[in-house]
Protein backbone atom coordinates (compact mmCIF):
# COMPACT_ATOMS: atom_id res chain seq x y z
CA MET A 1 -4.50 -3.57 13.52
CA LEU A 2 -0.99 -0.93 13.17
CA ASP A 3 -0.42 0.46 9.55
CA LEU A 4 2.94 -0.59 8.54
CA ALA A 5 3.40 2.83 6.62
CA ARG A 6 2.58 4.94 9.32
CA LEU A 7 5.27 2.77 11.53
CA ARG A 8 7.83 4.06 8.60
CA ALA A 9 6.77 7.36 9.19
CA LEU A 10 7.46 6.97 13.20
CA HIS A 11 10.57 4.89 12.76
CA ALA A 12 11.67 8.16 9.89
CA VAL A 13 11.09 10.40 12.77
CA ALA A 14 12.90 9.06 15.23
CA VAL A 15 16.11 8.06 13.56
CA HIS A 16 16.43 11.78 12.05
CA GLY A 17 14.81 13.79 15.00
CA SER A 18 12.47 16.11 13.18
CA VAL A 19 8.82 15.33 10.75
CA SER A 20 10.90 17.79 7.92
CA ALA A 21 14.23 15.88 8.06
CA ALA A 22 12.28 12.28 8.08
CA ALA A 23 10.20 13.39 4.93
CA VAL A 24 13.01 14.03 3.15
CA ALA A 25 14.11 10.74 3.96
CA LEU A 26 11.26 9.26 3.29
CA GLY A 27 10.59 11.42 0.02
CA TYR A 28 7.84 12.67 1.15
CA THR A 29 6.16 16.48 1.66
CA PRO A 30 6.09 16.84 5.96
CA SER A 31 2.35 17.43 5.45
CA ALA A 32 2.18 13.29 4.92
CA VAL A 33 4.40 12.24 7.42
CA SER A 34 2.46 14.50 10.15
CA GLN A 35 -0.66 13.17 8.70
CA GLN A 36 0.91 9.87 8.61
CA ILE A 37 1.66 10.71 12.72
CA ALA A 38 -1.86 12.06 13.71
CA LYS A 39 -3.52 8.76 12.20
CA LEU A 40 -1.00 6.16 14.25
CA GLU A 41 -2.01 9.01 17.38
CA ARG A 42 -5.51 7.97 16.91
CA GLU A 43 -5.34 4.31 16.10
CA THR A 44 -2.98 3.37 19.13
CA ARG A 45 -5.05 6.25 21.46
CA THR A 46 -1.51 7.48 22.92
CA THR A 47 0.28 11.06 22.13
CA LEU A 48 3.60 10.42 19.88
CA LEU A 49 4.72 13.51 19.55
CA GLU A 50 4.97 16.62 21.98
CA ARG A 51 6.59 20.07 21.34
CA ARG A 52 9.77 20.61 23.17
CA GLY A 53 11.22 24.44 22.37
CA ARG A 54 11.20 25.02 19.12
CA GLY A 55 11.74 21.43 17.78
CA ILE A 56 9.13 17.95 18.80
CA ALA A 57 10.34 14.70 20.68
CA LEU A 58 9.24 11.70 21.42
CA THR A 59 6.97 10.87 23.86
CA ASP A 60 8.48 7.56 25.98
CA ALA A 61 4.85 5.30 24.73
CA ALA A 62 6.40 6.67 21.08
CA GLN A 63 10.18 5.24 21.35
CA GLN A 64 9.18 1.91 22.44
CA LEU A 65 6.71 2.02 19.26
CA ALA A 66 9.36 3.45 17.04
CA ASP A 67 12.11 0.59 18.28
CA THR A 68 9.33 -2.25 17.61
CA ALA A 69 9.25 -0.61 13.83
CA GLN A 70 12.80 -1.18 13.38
CA ARG A 71 12.12 -4.62 14.57
CA LEU A 72 8.88 -5.15 11.79
CA LEU A 73 10.55 -3.09 9.15
CA ALA A 74 13.67 -5.75 9.47
CA ILE A 75 11.26 -8.83 9.22
CA VAL A 76 9.99 -7.15 5.97
CA GLU A 77 13.10 -5.95 4.51
CA ARG A 78 14.16 -9.98 4.57
CA ALA A 79 10.66 -10.94 2.91
CA GLU A 80 11.63 -8.36 0.33
CA THR A 81 14.98 -9.36 -0.12
CA THR A 82 13.67 -13.10 -0.57
CA LEU A 83 11.32 -12.21 -3.20
CA GLU A 84 13.42 -10.15 -5.06
CA GLU A 85 16.36 -12.46 -4.43
CA ARG A 86 14.32 -15.32 -5.88
CA ARG A 87 13.20 -13.15 -9.26
CA GLY A 88 16.69 -12.59 -10.14
CA GLN A 89 16.27 -8.95 -11.34
CA PRO A 90 16.40 -5.43 -9.03
CA SER A 91 12.99 -4.86 -8.01
CA GLY A 92 10.42 -2.79 -5.27
CA ARG A 93 12.65 0.39 -3.95
CA LEU A 94 15.81 0.82 -3.03
CA VAL A 95 16.72 4.34 -1.18
CA MET A 96 20.12 5.66 -1.47
CA GLY A 97 22.43 7.65 0.45
CA ALA A 98 25.46 9.89 -1.05
CA PHE A 99 27.36 12.76 0.41
CA ALA A 100 27.02 16.29 -1.51
CA SER A 101 29.76 15.62 -4.25
CA ALA A 102 28.88 11.76 -4.64
CA ALA A 103 25.63 12.71 -5.31
CA ARG A 104 26.78 15.22 -7.95
CA GLY A 105 29.33 13.64 -9.51
CA LEU A 106 28.98 10.24 -9.21
CA LEU A 107 25.75 8.84 -8.30
CA PRO A 108 23.38 10.58 -11.70
CA SER A 109 25.29 8.39 -14.41
CA VAL A 110 24.97 5.22 -11.91
CA LEU A 111 20.98 5.88 -11.11
CA ALA A 112 20.52 6.31 -14.97
CA GLU A 113 21.91 3.39 -15.71
CA LEU A 114 20.12 1.48 -13.29
CA THR A 115 16.36 3.00 -13.76
CA ALA A 116 17.12 2.47 -17.19
CA ARG A 117 17.85 -1.32 -17.38
CA HIS A 118 15.66 -2.27 -14.67
CA PRO A 119 12.14 -0.52 -15.19
CA GLY A 120 10.65 -2.64 -11.98
CA LEU A 121 13.13 -0.45 -9.26
CA ASP A 122 11.73 2.04 -7.49
CA ALA A 123 15.38 3.66 -7.22
CA ARG A 124 15.60 6.70 -4.74
CA LEU A 125 18.78 8.93 -3.51
CA THR A 126 19.15 11.27 -0.57
CA GLU A 127 22.09 13.33 0.55
CA VAL A 128 23.67 11.94 3.81
CA ASP A 129 26.43 13.07 5.91
CA PRO A 130 29.19 10.71 5.98
CA HIS A 131 29.25 10.47 9.93
CA LEU A 132 25.94 9.48 9.50
CA SER A 133 26.15 6.90 6.88
CA PRO A 134 27.40 3.88 8.97
CA ASP A 135 24.36 4.13 11.65
CA LEU A 136 22.15 5.04 8.75
CA VAL A 137 22.18 2.08 7.17
CA ALA A 138 22.66 -0.76 10.45
CA ARG A 139 19.40 0.81 11.43
CA GLY A 140 17.38 0.01 8.47
CA VAL A 141 16.77 3.79 7.30
CA ILE A 142 18.19 3.29 3.91
CA ASP A 143 19.48 0.56 1.88
CA LEU A 144 22.46 2.06 0.34
CA ALA A 145 25.43 3.93 1.09
CA VAL A 146 28.05 5.91 -0.56
CA THR A 147 30.40 7.13 2.03
CA HIS A 148 34.32 8.64 2.22
CA ASP A 149 37.01 8.24 4.80
CA TRP A 150 40.98 10.13 4.59
CA ASP A 151 43.71 8.69 5.53
CA ILE A 152 44.16 10.30 9.39
CA SER A 153 40.18 9.76 10.36
CA PRO A 154 39.05 5.85 9.29
CA LEU A 155 35.77 5.12 8.50
CA PRO A 156 33.78 3.45 11.49
CA ALA A 157 32.69 0.11 10.87
CA PRO A 158 29.71 -0.39 12.96
CA GLU A 159 28.29 -4.71 13.32
CA GLY A 160 25.47 -5.19 10.64
CA VAL A 161 27.49 -3.40 8.14
CA GLN A 162 29.10 -4.62 4.99
CA ARG A 163 31.30 -2.04 2.69
CA VAL A 164 33.58 -2.53 -0.52
CA VAL A 165 35.78 -0.09 -1.44
CA ILE A 166 34.42 1.93 -4.95
CA GLY A 167 37.49 4.46 -5.70
CA ASP A 168 40.21 7.30 -4.29
CA ASP A 169 39.64 10.33 -4.61
CA PRO A 170 42.75 13.05 -5.30
CA SER A 171 42.52 16.62 -3.61
CA ASP A 172 44.39 19.73 -5.00
CA ILE A 173 44.96 22.95 -3.89
CA LEU A 174 42.91 25.59 -5.27
CA VAL A 175 44.54 28.95 -5.50
CA PRO A 176 43.35 32.51 -6.66
CA SER A 177 45.19 32.78 -10.51
CA ASP A 178 47.38 35.58 -9.10
CA HIS A 179 48.34 34.08 -5.79
CA PRO A 180 52.33 33.29 -5.04
CA LEU A 181 51.93 29.41 -5.36
CA ALA A 182 49.74 29.42 -8.30
CA GLY A 183 52.77 28.84 -10.91
CA ARG A 184 54.21 26.21 -8.80
CA ARG A 185 54.52 22.88 -10.25
CA VAL A 186 54.13 20.95 -7.29
CA LEU A 187 52.82 22.27 -3.25
CA GLY A 188 54.45 20.28 -0.36
CA ARG A 189 52.27 20.88 3.54
CA ALA A 190 55.28 22.99 4.59
CA ASP A 191 54.00 25.62 1.94
CA LEU A 192 50.52 25.86 2.88
CA THR A 193 51.70 27.31 6.13
CA ASP A 194 50.82 31.11 7.24
CA GLN A 195 47.41 30.48 4.00
CA ARG A 196 44.56 32.36 4.82
CA TRP A 197 41.71 28.73 4.31
CA ILE A 198 38.28 28.15 2.83
CA CYS A 199 37.02 25.23 3.80
CA GLN A 200 34.30 23.00 5.14
CA PRO A 201 32.46 23.99 8.96
CA PRO A 202 33.71 21.82 12.08
CA GLY A 203 31.99 18.37 12.20
CA THR A 204 33.01 16.70 9.02
CA VAL A 205 35.54 14.54 7.28
CA CYS A 206 36.84 16.59 4.98
CA HIS A 207 37.35 19.73 7.85
CA ASP A 208 39.14 17.76 10.17
CA TRP A 209 42.09 16.22 7.53
CA LEU A 210 42.97 20.09 7.25
CA VAL A 211 42.55 21.10 10.28
CA ARG A 212 44.56 17.72 11.52
CA THR A 213 47.38 17.87 8.83
CA LEU A 214 48.29 21.55 8.98
CA ARG A 215 48.70 20.93 13.18
CA ALA A 216 50.94 18.08 12.75
CA SER A 217 53.24 20.68 10.52
CA GLY A 218 53.47 22.81 13.79
CA HIS A 219 50.40 25.26 12.24
CA GLU A 220 47.68 26.32 13.63
CA PRO A 221 45.48 26.93 10.22
CA ASP A 222 43.66 30.14 9.93
CA LEU A 223 40.37 29.22 8.75
CA ALA A 224 38.72 32.45 7.60
CA TYR A 225 35.69 30.68 5.52
CA GLN A 226 33.74 27.73 6.61
CA VAL A 227 31.12 26.82 3.92
CA ALA A 228 29.36 23.38 3.32
CA GLU A 229 29.42 23.10 -0.39
CA TYR A 230 32.38 23.15 -3.19
CA HIS A 231 30.54 25.19 -5.40
CA THR A 232 31.13 28.60 -2.81
CA GLN A 233 34.77 27.65 -2.09
CA LEU A 234 35.67 27.95 -5.56
CA ALA A 235 33.60 30.79 -6.18
CA LEU A 236 35.32 32.59 -2.95
CA VAL A 237 38.42 31.49 -3.87
CA SER A 238 37.64 33.68 -7.66
CA ALA A 239 37.41 36.04 -5.87
CA GLY A 240 40.95 36.24 -4.16
CA LEU A 241 39.53 35.24 -0.90
CA GLY A 242 42.10 32.64 0.14
CA ILE A 243 42.97 29.11 -0.75
CA ALA A 244 41.69 25.65 -0.52
CA LEU A 245 41.59 22.47 -0.47
CA VAL A 246 39.14 20.51 -2.85
CA PRO A 247 38.28 17.08 -4.39
CA ARG A 248 37.97 16.39 -7.87
CA LEU A 249 35.00 14.07 -7.47
CA GLY A 250 32.09 16.48 -8.28
CA ARG A 251 34.61 19.63 -8.28
CA GLY A 252 33.46 20.34 -11.98
CA PRO A 253 35.00 23.03 -14.59
CA VAL A 254 37.21 25.47 -12.71
CA PRO A 255 36.11 28.65 -12.66
CA ASP A 256 38.16 31.62 -13.75
CA GLY A 257 40.30 33.10 -12.01
CA VAL A 258 41.64 30.36 -10.44
CA SER A 259 44.50 27.61 -10.58
CA VAL A 260 44.96 24.26 -9.64
CA VAL A 261 47.55 23.26 -7.89
CA PRO A 262 48.98 19.40 -7.22
CA LEU A 263 49.96 19.04 -3.19
CA GLU A 264 52.06 16.05 -2.65
CA PRO A 265 52.10 13.32 -1.08
CA THR A 266 48.62 13.56 -2.54
CA PRO A 267 46.01 13.62 -0.66
CA LEU A 268 43.03 11.06 -0.79
CA ARG A 269 39.23 10.20 0.57
CA ARG A 270 38.60 6.91 -0.47
CA LEU A 271 34.79 6.18 -1.23
CA TYR A 272 32.94 2.87 0.33
CA ALA A 273 29.64 1.55 -1.01
CA LEU A 274 27.88 0.22 3.21
CA TRP A 275 25.02 -2.00 2.85
CA ARG A 276 22.94 -4.55 5.26
CA PRO A 277 24.38 -8.09 5.52
CA GLY A 278 20.87 -9.18 5.12
CA ALA A 279 20.13 -7.57 1.97
CA ALA A 280 23.37 -8.54 0.53
CA ARG A 281 21.47 -11.00 -1.20
CA ARG A 282 19.20 -8.65 -3.03
CA PRO A 283 20.05 -8.38 -6.81
CA SER A 284 19.57 -4.69 -6.70
CA ILE A 285 22.34 -4.15 -4.36
CA THR A 286 24.86 -5.97 -5.84
CA GLU A 287 23.54 -3.98 -9.30
CA ALA A 288 24.35 -0.34 -7.42
CA VAL A 289 27.39 -1.27 -5.44
CA ARG A 290 28.51 -2.98 -9.38
CA LEU A 291 27.61 -0.25 -11.15
CA LEU A 292 29.56 2.73 -8.89
CA GLN A 293 32.33 -0.14 -9.36
CA GLU A 294 32.14 0.37 -12.68
CA HIS A 295 30.92 3.94 -13.14
CA TRP A 296 33.96 5.28 -10.62
CA PRO A 297 36.85 5.48 -13.64
CA ARG A 298 34.22 7.67 -15.83
CA ARG A 299 33.23 10.05 -13.38
CA ASP A 300 36.06 12.60 -14.59
CA ALA A 301 34.43 12.37 -18.39
CA ALA A 302 30.89 12.19 -16.90
């Protein structure tokens, strides 16, 4: 008989593309995931992973088995949902995914209250890019995702995913304190041309928003420094190397040498909670969503 934990490991490798990424998603070590796959190969007497260049790839047999594992995991999820619903209390394992600044600025207080109120719940968190969240939820890799979009880049809502708004996160322009824009009460988008920008790398929602917005005003942005972490962006602004557009959620204290100037109209990114319709009856899902919305107004104080 096939072991469900080993099938879960194979499914995670199929979804995330590597053993190390699957380990992060499952909360295991890469060695533990590799051992699960090796045991599954012995049980099935089938080669499941093969080397390709510097990485690995699933064999055809492994891909078929991973597809079967996805269906089995969906059945298990329905059974767990029914049991949790009968208990009437959040319990079991709840795997949450969130983008970096939400994981830093919102989730700690939510998870602390969630686990304190419900000791029978095993809540887990993994950092997930907003572009990937809907698909990971739809495929059952994570149970609940916190993601976001911008006004010019709406979040896709694939079939099999429900969502609710958590709140709107404003962004500001951060400039060196001796910058000509530092003394302004408010900035317009015309003021943002001919600047050296510090921003996130290509392929991120924030990067796409900045590029599209500046191009819409007839100017090609000078993206001099492209780094993912907002704290690194703040350090670069503090060093006088450029200006940045930074959301308030998870921003933390502004370092010395940096001034915050509002931009009008104010750029907003909207945060959502995503989950599968089949899991909507789980008390852990409804309680987590409730706490996300409840803690949103307190995020700045936190």
